[in-house]
């Protein structure tokens, strides 16, 4: 029985079963499978920027698409803003305060439809 419990040809579940992998294989095969399993946990590609998410490999691309630590540029860059590498999680706040954001003219109540950037109003 000890050999049976430790035989390298015994059938085992993938170590990522709790994450969704349904593969069964020999103990020896599982070692190789674990490194390519779609359900293995990986760090977010923006880990070095501060994202602490660990996610299944097969969901990592979707997470990276919405990760708050991905870099984006302010939508007002064409109007003069120099914020070309904001963290996505900070972008909305920046754009609300961006000095290049369009604002209503002080004379809108008289019919002006021009929207100068905030910094042009001064």
Foldseek 3Di string as FASTA:
>chain_A
DVCQVVPQFHKDAQPLVVQPGGDIGGNVVSVVCQVVPQQHWDAAPLVVQPGRDIGRNVCNVVCNVVPQQFFAAAPLVVQPDPRGGHRNVCRVVCNVVPQQHWDDAPCVVVPDPDTGGNVVND
